[in-house]
Amino acid sequence: MRHLFAPLGLVLLLGTALLFPGCGAAGAAQDQFGGGTGDDPPPASGSMSPGELAYAQQVLDLVNAERANAGVGPVVWDEPATDVAYAHSVDMDVRNFFSHTNPDGLGPGDRINAAGIRWTAWGENIARGQDSPGAVMSGWMASPGHRDNILNANFTHLGVGVHSASGGPWWTQVFLRR
C-alpha cells in the first residue's frame, strides 16, 4: 500500500513494516548486532560521505528522542542495516524511482535477507528531498505509517542511509528486531 504525502512540495512514501516473530534469514532470531547504544556514534561507513554519516547519526538521535517522548526504548545503530538502507537510497537515485520496491520487484525484506541479516521483524521508511534530518523526521512523524515504524516498540535496531545528489537527498530507514 502506497500513499504519497507532500508537505511543502517534498515527497514521502508511507513506511512499511512486517512483523514475523520467529522468521528471518536462516530462521535465527539474532545475529550481527551493530553494537553500541543509541547514544554511540555510528561506526565509520565506507559508503556514506562524512556529511551523510553525520546526518544519519542525527536521524538516529531524533528517532530515539521521539521514542523517549513516547515512552519507548531506544533503537541502536546497526551497520549492516545501514548498508542496506544506503544502498537503497543510492539505487533510487541511480535508477530514478521512488518506492520500497525496486524496478526488479525486490522489496525491503528481500534486500535485508540478501545482506544476510537475521531478523524477527523489520520496517522501512523512505523519503526524498528534505534538506536536513530535522525536516525528514518532521515529515515522517506527521505521517501515520512512518510514525508507527519510528515508535514501534518491537524494533531494537536502526540503519539509516542518506544519499545526497541532485534531486535528493534520498533517505532510507531500516528498522529491525534482531
N, C-alpha and C. Protein backbone atom coordinates (compact mmCIF):
# COMPACT_ATOMS: atom_id res chain seq x y z
N MET A 1 0.85 -1.17 0.00
CA MET A 1 0.00 0.00 0.00
C MET A 1 0.89 1.22 0.00
N ARG A 2 0.67 2.15 -0.92
CA ARG A 2 1.48 3.36 -1.00
C ARG A 2 0.58 4.57 -0.92
N HIS A 3 1.00 5.53 -0.12
CA HIS A 3 0.31 6.81 -0.02
C HIS A 3 1.37 7.89 -0.14
N LEU A 4 1.09 8.89 -0.90
CA LEU A 4 2.04 9.99 -1.01
C LEU A 4 1.64 11.10 -0.07
N PHE A 5 2.60 11.72 0.54
CA PHE A 5 2.42 12.81 1.47
C PHE A 5 3.39 13.87 1.01
N ALA A 6 2.92 15.06 0.70
CA ALA A 6 3.82 16.06 0.11
C ALA A 6 3.75 17.39 0.84
N PRO A 7 4.34 17.49 2.04
CA PRO A 7 4.39 18.79 2.70
C PRO A 7 5.43 19.67 2.02
N LEU A 8 5.06 20.88 1.75
CA LEU A 8 5.97 21.85 1.17
C LEU A 8 6.64 21.34 -0.11
N GLY A 9 5.92 20.56 -0.89
CA GLY A 9 6.45 20.08 -2.15
C GLY A 9 7.46 18.95 -2.02
N LEU A 10 7.62 18.39 -0.84
CA LEU A 10 8.56 17.30 -0.64
C LEU A 10 7.78 15.99 -0.62
N VAL A 11 8.41 14.92 -1.04
CA VAL A 11 7.71 13.66 -1.20
C VAL A 11 8.14 12.67 -0.13
N LEU A 12 7.18 12.00 0.47
CA LEU A 12 7.42 10.91 1.39
C LEU A 12 6.58 9.73 0.94
N LEU A 13 7.06 8.54 1.13
CA LEU A 13 6.28 7.35 0.84
C LEU A 13 5.99 6.67 2.16
N LEU A 14 4.76 6.24 2.34
CA LEU A 14 4.34 5.62 3.57
C LEU A 14 5.28 4.50 3.96
N GLY A 15 5.68 4.47 5.21
CA GLY A 15 6.55 3.42 5.70
C GLY A 15 5.84 2.08 5.67
N THR A 16 6.63 1.03 5.52
CA THR A 16 6.08 -0.31 5.55
C THR A 16 6.73 -1.08 6.68
N ALA A 17 5.99 -1.99 7.22
CA ALA A 17 6.52 -2.81 8.29
C ALA A 17 5.96 -4.22 8.19
N LEU A 18 6.77 -5.17 8.49
CA LEU A 18 6.34 -6.55 8.61
C LEU A 18 6.82 -7.07 9.94
N LEU A 19 5.96 -7.73 10.65
CA LEU A 19 6.33 -8.32 11.92
C LEU A 19 6.06 -9.81 11.82
N PHE A 20 7.12 -10.58 11.73
CA PHE A 20 7.00 -12.02 11.63
C PHE A 20 7.83 -12.65 12.74
N PRO A 21 7.27 -12.81 13.94
CA PRO A 21 8.04 -13.42 15.01
C PRO A 21 8.56 -14.79 14.59
N GLY A 22 9.82 -15.01 14.88
CA GLY A 22 10.42 -16.30 14.60
C GLY A 22 10.92 -16.48 13.18
N CYS A 23 10.67 -15.52 12.31
CA CYS A 23 11.11 -15.65 10.92
C CYS A 23 12.33 -14.78 10.69
N GLY A 24 13.03 -15.07 9.65
CA GLY A 24 14.18 -14.26 9.28
C GLY A 24 15.15 -15.10 8.49
N ALA A 25 16.22 -14.49 8.10
CA ALA A 25 17.21 -15.22 7.33
C ALA A 25 17.69 -16.41 8.15
N ALA A 26 17.63 -17.57 7.59
CA ALA A 26 18.04 -18.82 8.21
C ALA A 26 17.25 -19.12 9.48
N GLY A 27 16.15 -18.42 9.72
CA GLY A 27 15.27 -18.70 10.85
C GLY A 27 15.85 -18.35 12.21
N ALA A 28 16.99 -17.71 12.27
CA ALA A 28 17.59 -17.37 13.55
C ALA A 28 17.05 -16.06 14.07
N ALA A 29 17.05 -15.92 15.38
CA ALA A 29 16.45 -14.74 15.99
C ALA A 29 17.40 -13.56 16.02
N GLN A 30 18.70 -13.78 16.22
CA GLN A 30 19.61 -12.65 16.36
C GLN A 30 20.97 -13.00 15.79
N ASP A 31 21.62 -11.99 15.23
CA ASP A 31 22.98 -12.14 14.73
C ASP A 31 23.47 -10.79 14.25
N GLN A 32 24.73 -10.58 14.18
CA GLN A 32 25.38 -9.41 13.60
C GLN A 32 24.88 -8.09 14.19
N PHE A 33 24.89 -7.98 15.49
CA PHE A 33 24.49 -6.72 16.10
C PHE A 33 25.41 -5.61 15.65
N GLY A 34 24.83 -4.42 15.40
CA GLY A 34 25.61 -3.26 15.02
C GLY A 34 26.43 -2.75 16.18
N GLY A 35 26.01 -3.08 17.40
CA GLY A 35 26.74 -2.73 18.59
C GLY A 35 26.46 -1.33 19.07
N GLY A 36 26.85 -1.06 20.29
CA GLY A 36 26.70 0.27 20.86
C GLY A 36 25.32 0.52 21.40
N THR A 37 25.14 1.72 21.87
CA THR A 37 23.84 2.16 22.36
C THR A 37 23.34 3.23 21.43
N GLY A 38 22.11 3.64 21.61
CA GLY A 38 21.55 4.69 20.78
C GLY A 38 22.33 5.98 20.85
N ASP A 39 23.13 6.15 21.91
CA ASP A 39 23.89 7.38 22.10
C ASP A 39 25.27 7.32 21.44
N ASP A 40 25.71 6.11 21.06
CA ASP A 40 27.02 5.98 20.46
C ASP A 40 27.02 6.48 19.03
N PRO A 41 28.12 7.07 18.57
CA PRO A 41 28.19 7.46 17.15
C PRO A 41 28.27 6.21 16.30
N PRO A 42 27.77 6.26 15.07
CA PRO A 42 27.86 5.10 14.21
C PRO A 42 29.30 4.83 13.82
N PRO A 43 29.63 3.58 13.56
CA PRO A 43 30.97 3.29 13.06
C PRO A 43 31.18 3.95 11.70
N ALA A 44 32.43 4.13 11.34
CA ALA A 44 32.72 4.73 10.03
C ALA A 44 32.15 3.85 8.93
N SER A 45 31.55 4.45 7.95
CA SER A 45 30.99 3.72 6.83
C SER A 45 31.84 4.00 5.60
N GLY A 46 32.13 2.95 4.83
CA GLY A 46 32.90 3.12 3.62
C GLY A 46 32.07 3.67 2.47
N SER A 47 30.77 3.80 2.68
CA SER A 47 29.89 4.20 1.59
C SER A 47 29.45 5.66 1.71
N MET A 48 28.94 6.03 2.85
CA MET A 48 28.43 7.39 3.00
C MET A 48 29.58 8.37 3.23
N SER A 49 29.40 9.59 2.73
CA SER A 49 30.38 10.64 2.99
C SER A 49 30.30 11.02 4.47
N PRO A 50 31.30 11.72 4.99
CA PRO A 50 31.23 12.15 6.39
C PRO A 50 29.97 12.98 6.68
N GLY A 51 29.56 13.85 5.75
CA GLY A 51 28.35 14.64 5.96
C GLY A 51 27.10 13.79 5.98
N GLU A 52 27.02 12.82 5.08
CA GLU A 52 25.87 11.91 5.06
C GLU A 52 25.83 11.09 6.34
N LEU A 53 26.97 10.61 6.78
CA LEU A 53 27.05 9.83 8.01
C LEU A 53 26.63 10.67 9.22
N ALA A 54 27.03 11.94 9.23
CA ALA A 54 26.61 12.83 10.32
C ALA A 54 25.09 13.00 10.31
N TYR A 55 24.50 13.15 9.13
CA TYR A 55 23.03 13.24 9.02
C TYR A 55 22.37 11.95 9.51
N ALA A 56 22.96 10.81 9.16
CA ALA A 56 22.40 9.53 9.60
C ALA A 56 22.40 9.44 11.13
N GLN A 57 23.49 9.87 11.76
CA GLN A 57 23.57 9.86 13.23
C GLN A 57 22.50 10.79 13.82
N GLN A 58 22.31 11.95 13.20
CA GLN A 58 21.29 12.88 13.70
C GLN A 58 19.90 12.25 13.59
N VAL A 59 19.64 11.51 12.51
CA VAL A 59 18.34 10.83 12.38
C VAL A 59 18.18 9.81 13.51
N LEU A 60 19.22 9.02 13.78
CA LEU A 60 19.16 8.07 14.89
C LEU A 60 18.84 8.79 16.20
N ASP A 61 19.53 9.88 16.46
CA ASP A 61 19.30 10.64 17.69
C ASP A 61 17.87 11.17 17.75
N LEU A 62 17.35 11.67 16.64
CA LEU A 62 15.99 12.19 16.61
C LEU A 62 14.96 11.08 16.77
N VAL A 63 15.21 9.93 16.17
CA VAL A 63 14.33 8.77 16.37
C VAL A 63 14.28 8.42 17.84
N ASN A 64 15.44 8.34 18.48
CA ASN A 64 15.46 7.96 19.90
C ASN A 64 14.84 9.03 20.79
N ALA A 65 14.93 10.29 20.41
CA ALA A 65 14.25 11.35 21.17
C ALA A 65 12.73 11.17 21.06
N GLU A 66 12.24 10.89 19.87
CA GLU A 66 10.80 10.66 19.68
C GLU A 66 10.35 9.42 20.45
N ARG A 67 11.14 8.38 20.42
CA ARG A 67 10.79 7.15 21.15
C ARG A 67 10.77 7.42 22.66
N ALA A 68 11.74 8.18 23.15
CA ALA A 68 11.77 8.51 24.58
C ALA A 68 10.54 9.32 24.97
N ASN A 69 10.17 10.28 24.13
CA ASN A 69 8.97 11.09 24.41
C ASN A 69 7.72 10.24 24.46
N ALA A 70 7.71 9.14 23.73
CA ALA A 70 6.55 8.25 23.69
C ALA A 70 6.66 7.10 24.70
N GLY A 71 7.74 7.10 25.49
CA GLY A 71 7.91 6.04 26.48
C GLY A 71 8.36 4.71 25.88
N VAL A 72 9.03 4.78 24.72
CA VAL A 72 9.50 3.58 24.03
C VAL A 72 11.03 3.54 24.14
N GLY A 73 11.58 2.36 24.35
CA GLY A 73 13.02 2.21 24.46
C GLY A 73 13.74 2.59 23.17
N PRO A 74 15.02 2.91 23.26
CA PRO A 74 15.78 3.36 22.09
C PRO A 74 16.09 2.21 21.14
N VAL A 75 16.38 2.57 19.90
CA VAL A 75 16.96 1.64 18.94
C VAL A 75 18.46 1.90 18.91
N VAL A 76 19.23 0.89 18.54
CA VAL A 76 20.68 1.05 18.44
C VAL A 76 21.10 1.03 16.98
N TRP A 77 22.21 1.67 16.72
CA TRP A 77 22.77 1.74 15.38
C TRP A 77 23.09 0.33 14.89
N ASP A 78 22.75 0.05 13.66
CA ASP A 78 23.01 -1.25 13.07
C ASP A 78 23.72 -1.05 11.73
N GLU A 79 25.00 -1.39 11.69
CA GLU A 79 25.81 -1.15 10.48
C GLU A 79 25.31 -1.94 9.28
N PRO A 80 25.02 -3.26 9.41
CA PRO A 80 24.50 -3.98 8.23
C PRO A 80 23.19 -3.38 7.71
N ALA A 81 22.29 -2.97 8.60
CA ALA A 81 21.04 -2.34 8.16
C ALA A 81 21.32 -0.99 7.52
N THR A 82 22.33 -0.28 8.00
CA THR A 82 22.72 0.99 7.39
C THR A 82 23.22 0.77 5.97
N ASP A 83 23.99 -0.28 5.78
CA ASP A 83 24.47 -0.60 4.43
C ASP A 83 23.30 -0.87 3.49
N VAL A 84 22.29 -1.61 3.97
CA VAL A 84 21.10 -1.89 3.16
C VAL A 84 20.35 -0.60 2.87
N ALA A 85 20.18 0.23 3.89
CA ALA A 85 19.45 1.50 3.73
C ALA A 85 20.16 2.41 2.73
N TYR A 86 21.47 2.54 2.88
CA TYR A 86 22.22 3.41 1.98
C TYR A 86 22.17 2.90 0.54
N ALA A 87 22.32 1.59 0.36
CA ALA A 87 22.27 1.02 -0.99
C ALA A 87 20.91 1.29 -1.64
N HIS A 88 19.83 1.24 -0.84
CA HIS A 88 18.51 1.51 -1.41
C HIS A 88 18.38 2.99 -1.78
N SER A 89 18.90 3.88 -0.95
CA SER A 89 18.86 5.31 -1.26
C SER A 89 19.61 5.59 -2.56
N VAL A 90 20.79 5.00 -2.72
CA VAL A 90 21.57 5.19 -3.94
C VAL A 90 20.83 4.59 -5.14
N ASP A 91 20.28 3.42 -4.97
CA ASP A 91 19.56 2.74 -6.06
C ASP A 91 18.39 3.59 -6.55
N MET A 92 17.65 4.19 -5.62
CA MET A 92 16.52 5.04 -6.03
C MET A 92 17.00 6.20 -6.89
N ASP A 93 18.15 6.77 -6.55
CA ASP A 93 18.72 7.86 -7.34
C ASP A 93 19.17 7.35 -8.71
N VAL A 94 20.03 6.35 -8.71
CA VAL A 94 20.66 5.88 -9.93
C VAL A 94 19.64 5.35 -10.93
N ARG A 95 18.63 4.64 -10.44
CA ARG A 95 17.65 4.05 -11.36
C ARG A 95 16.35 4.86 -11.45
N ASN A 96 16.37 6.05 -10.85
CA ASN A 96 15.28 7.01 -10.99
C ASN A 96 13.91 6.44 -10.64
N PHE A 97 13.79 5.94 -9.40
CA PHE A 97 12.50 5.51 -8.88
C PHE A 97 12.39 5.93 -7.43
N PHE A 98 11.19 5.90 -6.91
CA PHE A 98 10.96 6.24 -5.51
C PHE A 98 9.91 5.29 -4.98
N SER A 99 10.35 4.21 -4.37
CA SER A 99 9.45 3.17 -3.91
C SER A 99 10.18 2.23 -2.96
N HIS A 100 9.42 1.53 -2.15
CA HIS A 100 10.00 0.47 -1.32
C HIS A 100 10.41 -0.71 -2.19
N THR A 101 9.77 -0.87 -3.33
CA THR A 101 10.05 -1.97 -4.26
C THR A 101 10.86 -1.43 -5.43
N ASN A 102 12.01 -2.06 -5.69
CA ASN A 102 12.86 -1.58 -6.77
C ASN A 102 12.35 -2.06 -8.13
N PRO A 103 12.91 -1.56 -9.22
CA PRO A 103 12.44 -1.97 -10.55
C PRO A 103 12.54 -3.47 -10.82
N ASP A 104 13.35 -4.18 -10.06
CA ASP A 104 13.46 -5.63 -10.21
C ASP A 104 12.39 -6.38 -9.42
N GLY A 105 11.54 -5.63 -8.71
CA GLY A 105 10.49 -6.25 -7.91
C GLY A 105 10.91 -6.67 -6.51
N LEU A 106 12.10 -6.27 -6.09
CA LEU A 106 12.60 -6.63 -4.76
C LEU A 106 12.24 -5.56 -3.75
N GLY A 107 11.74 -5.99 -2.61
CA GLY A 107 11.34 -5.07 -1.55
C GLY A 107 12.31 -5.11 -0.39
N PRO A 108 11.97 -4.42 0.69
CA PRO A 108 12.87 -4.33 1.84
C PRO A 108 13.27 -5.69 2.42
N GLY A 109 12.32 -6.59 2.58
CA GLY A 109 12.66 -7.90 3.12
C GLY A 109 13.65 -8.64 2.25
N ASP A 110 13.50 -8.50 0.94
CA ASP A 110 14.45 -9.13 0.01
C ASP A 110 15.85 -8.56 0.19
N ARG A 111 15.93 -7.23 0.32
CA ARG A 111 17.25 -6.59 0.47
C ARG A 111 17.89 -6.97 1.80
N ILE A 112 17.09 -7.00 2.86
CA ILE A 112 17.61 -7.36 4.19
C ILE A 112 18.11 -8.80 4.17
N ASN A 113 17.32 -9.71 3.61
CA ASN A 113 17.73 -11.11 3.54
C ASN A 113 18.97 -11.30 2.67
N ALA A 114 19.04 -10.59 1.54
CA ALA A 114 20.19 -10.71 0.64
C ALA A 114 21.48 -10.28 1.33
N ALA A 115 21.37 -9.38 2.30
CA ALA A 115 22.54 -8.92 3.05
C ALA A 115 22.93 -9.91 4.15
N GLY A 116 22.15 -10.96 4.31
CA GLY A 116 22.46 -11.96 5.33
C GLY A 116 22.09 -11.54 6.74
N ILE A 117 21.23 -10.55 6.86
CA ILE A 117 20.83 -10.06 8.17
C ILE A 117 19.73 -10.96 8.73
N ARG A 118 19.90 -11.35 9.96
CA ARG A 118 18.89 -12.16 10.66
C ARG A 118 17.97 -11.21 11.42
N TRP A 119 16.70 -11.49 11.35
CA TRP A 119 15.72 -10.58 11.93
C TRP A 119 14.49 -11.36 12.37
N THR A 120 13.73 -10.75 13.27
CA THR A 120 12.42 -11.28 13.63
C THR A 120 11.32 -10.30 13.23
N ALA A 121 11.69 -9.06 12.91
CA ALA A 121 10.75 -8.05 12.41
C ALA A 121 11.54 -6.98 11.70
N TRP A 122 10.91 -6.35 10.72
CA TRP A 122 11.56 -5.24 10.02
C TRP A 122 10.52 -4.21 9.60
N GLY A 123 11.02 -3.00 9.35
CA GLY A 123 10.20 -1.91 8.81
C GLY A 123 11.11 -0.99 8.02
N GLU A 124 10.52 -0.26 7.08
CA GLU A 124 11.32 0.66 6.26
C GLU A 124 10.55 1.96 6.06
N ASN A 125 11.24 3.07 6.21
CA ASN A 125 10.73 4.39 5.84
C ASN A 125 11.65 4.95 4.76
N ILE A 126 11.05 5.61 3.77
CA ILE A 126 11.86 6.30 2.77
C ILE A 126 11.32 7.72 2.61
N ALA A 127 12.18 8.59 2.15
CA ALA A 127 11.80 9.98 1.87
C ALA A 127 12.78 10.53 0.85
N ARG A 128 12.37 11.63 0.24
CA ARG A 128 13.24 12.27 -0.76
C ARG A 128 13.03 13.78 -0.74
N GLY A 129 14.13 14.51 -0.74
CA GLY A 129 14.08 15.95 -0.93
C GLY A 129 14.21 16.78 0.32
N GLN A 130 14.03 16.22 1.49
CA GLN A 130 14.16 17.01 2.72
C GLN A 130 15.63 17.35 2.92
N ASP A 131 15.91 18.61 3.26
CA ASP A 131 17.29 19.06 3.28
C ASP A 131 18.02 18.86 4.60
N SER A 132 17.35 18.29 5.61
CA SER A 132 18.01 18.10 6.90
C SER A 132 17.36 16.95 7.65
N PRO A 133 18.08 16.40 8.64
CA PRO A 133 17.48 15.36 9.47
C PRO A 133 16.21 15.83 10.17
N GLY A 134 16.20 17.07 10.65
CA GLY A 134 15.00 17.60 11.31
C GLY A 134 13.81 17.66 10.37
N ALA A 135 14.05 18.07 9.12
CA ALA A 135 12.96 18.16 8.15
C ALA A 135 12.41 16.79 7.79
N VAL A 136 13.29 15.82 7.58
CA VAL A 136 12.79 14.49 7.23
C VAL A 136 12.07 13.86 8.41
N MET A 137 12.57 14.05 9.60
CA MET A 137 11.89 13.50 10.78
C MET A 137 10.54 14.16 11.01
N SER A 138 10.45 15.46 10.78
CA SER A 138 9.14 16.14 10.91
C SER A 138 8.13 15.55 9.94
N GLY A 139 8.55 15.31 8.71
CA GLY A 139 7.66 14.72 7.73
C GLY A 139 7.24 13.31 8.12
N TRP A 140 8.21 12.50 8.55
CA TRP A 140 7.89 11.14 8.94
C TRP A 140 6.96 11.11 10.15
N MET A 141 7.19 11.98 11.12
CA MET A 141 6.34 11.99 12.32
C MET A 141 4.93 12.49 12.01
N ALA A 142 4.76 13.25 10.94
CA ALA A 142 3.43 13.74 10.55
C ALA A 142 2.66 12.71 9.73
N SER A 143 3.30 11.62 9.35
CA SER A 143 2.70 10.57 8.53
C SER A 143 2.46 9.33 9.40
N PRO A 144 1.22 8.88 9.52
CA PRO A 144 0.93 7.75 10.43
C PRO A 144 1.78 6.50 10.22
N GLY A 145 1.97 6.07 8.99
CA GLY A 145 2.76 4.85 8.74
C GLY A 145 4.21 5.00 9.13
N HIS A 146 4.81 6.15 8.81
CA HIS A 146 6.20 6.41 9.19
C HIS A 146 6.32 6.50 10.70
N ARG A 147 5.40 7.24 11.30
CA ARG A 147 5.41 7.41 12.76
C ARG A 147 5.30 6.05 13.45
N ASP A 148 4.43 5.19 12.92
CA ASP A 148 4.27 3.87 13.53
C ASP A 148 5.58 3.10 13.53
N ASN A 149 6.34 3.17 12.43
CA ASN A 149 7.64 2.49 12.42
C ASN A 149 8.59 3.10 13.44
N ILE A 150 8.66 4.41 13.49
CA ILE A 150 9.58 5.10 14.40
C ILE A 150 9.28 4.76 15.85
N LEU A 151 8.01 4.66 16.19
CA LEU A 151 7.61 4.44 17.59
C LEU A 151 7.30 2.97 17.91
N ASN A 152 7.57 2.07 16.99
CA ASN A 152 7.27 0.65 17.18
C ASN A 152 8.22 0.05 18.21
N ALA A 153 7.67 -0.34 19.36
CA ALA A 153 8.48 -0.88 20.45
C ALA A 153 9.11 -2.23 20.10
N ASN A 154 8.63 -2.89 19.06
CA ASN A 154 9.22 -4.17 18.65
C ASN A 154 10.59 -3.98 18.02
N PHE A 155 10.86 -2.81 17.46
CA PHE A 155 12.13 -2.59 16.79
C PHE A 155 13.21 -2.24 17.80
N THR A 156 14.39 -2.84 17.61
CA THR A 156 15.51 -2.66 18.52
C THR A 156 16.74 -2.06 17.83
N HIS A 157 16.79 -2.12 16.51
CA HIS A 157 17.95 -1.69 15.74
C HIS A 157 17.50 -0.80 14.59
N LEU A 158 18.39 0.10 14.18
CA LEU A 158 18.08 1.01 13.09
C LEU A 158 19.31 1.22 12.21
N GLY A 159 19.08 1.15 10.91
CA GLY A 159 20.07 1.55 9.92
C GLY A 159 19.52 2.74 9.16
N VAL A 160 20.35 3.73 8.92
CA VAL A 160 19.93 4.94 8.21
C VAL A 160 20.87 5.16 7.04
N GLY A 161 20.28 5.30 5.86
CA GLY A 161 21.06 5.60 4.66
C GLY A 161 20.66 6.95 4.10
N VAL A 162 21.63 7.84 3.92
CA VAL A 162 21.39 9.17 3.35
C VAL A 162 22.26 9.29 2.11
N HIS A 163 21.63 9.59 0.99
CA HIS A 163 22.37 9.77 -0.25
C HIS A 163 22.08 11.16 -0.79
N SER A 164 23.11 11.99 -0.82
CA SER A 164 22.98 13.37 -1.31
C SER A 164 23.41 13.43 -2.76
N ALA A 165 22.49 13.88 -3.61
CA ALA A 165 22.77 14.07 -5.04
C ALA A 165 21.68 14.97 -5.59
N SER A 166 21.87 15.42 -6.80
CA SER A 166 20.86 16.25 -7.44
C SER A 166 19.52 15.52 -7.44
N GLY A 167 18.47 16.24 -7.02
CA GLY A 167 17.15 15.62 -6.92
C GLY A 167 16.88 14.99 -5.58
N GLY A 168 17.83 14.98 -4.69
CA GLY A 168 17.69 14.36 -3.37
C GLY A 168 17.77 15.41 -2.29
N PRO A 169 18.20 15.05 -1.14
CA PRO A 169 18.74 13.75 -0.77
C PRO A 169 17.65 12.67 -0.65
N TRP A 170 18.12 11.43 -0.75
CA TRP A 170 17.27 10.26 -0.55
C TRP A 170 17.56 9.73 0.84
N TRP A 171 16.52 9.40 1.57
CA TRP A 171 16.61 8.94 2.95
C TRP A 171 15.96 7.56 3.05
N THR A 172 16.62 6.64 3.71
CA THR A 172 16.02 5.33 3.99
C THR A 172 16.34 4.95 5.42
N GLN A 173 15.31 4.51 6.15
CA GLN A 173 15.47 3.94 7.48
C GLN A 173 15.10 2.47 7.37
N VAL A 174 15.95 1.60 7.91
CA VAL A 174 15.64 0.19 8.03
C VAL A 174 15.62 -0.15 9.52
N PHE A 175 14.42 -0.46 10.00
CA PHE A 175 14.23 -0.84 11.39
C PHE A 175 14.24 -2.36 11.49
N LEU A 176 14.84 -2.87 12.54
CA LEU A 176 14.92 -4.31 12.76
C LEU A 176 14.62 -4.67 14.20
N ARG A 177 14.11 -5.83 14.36
CA ARG A 177 14.15 -6.52 15.65
C ARG A 177 15.01 -7.73 15.36
N ARG A 178 16.09 -7.87 16.13
CA ARG A 178 17.05 -8.97 15.91
C ARG A 178 16.92 -10.00 16.98
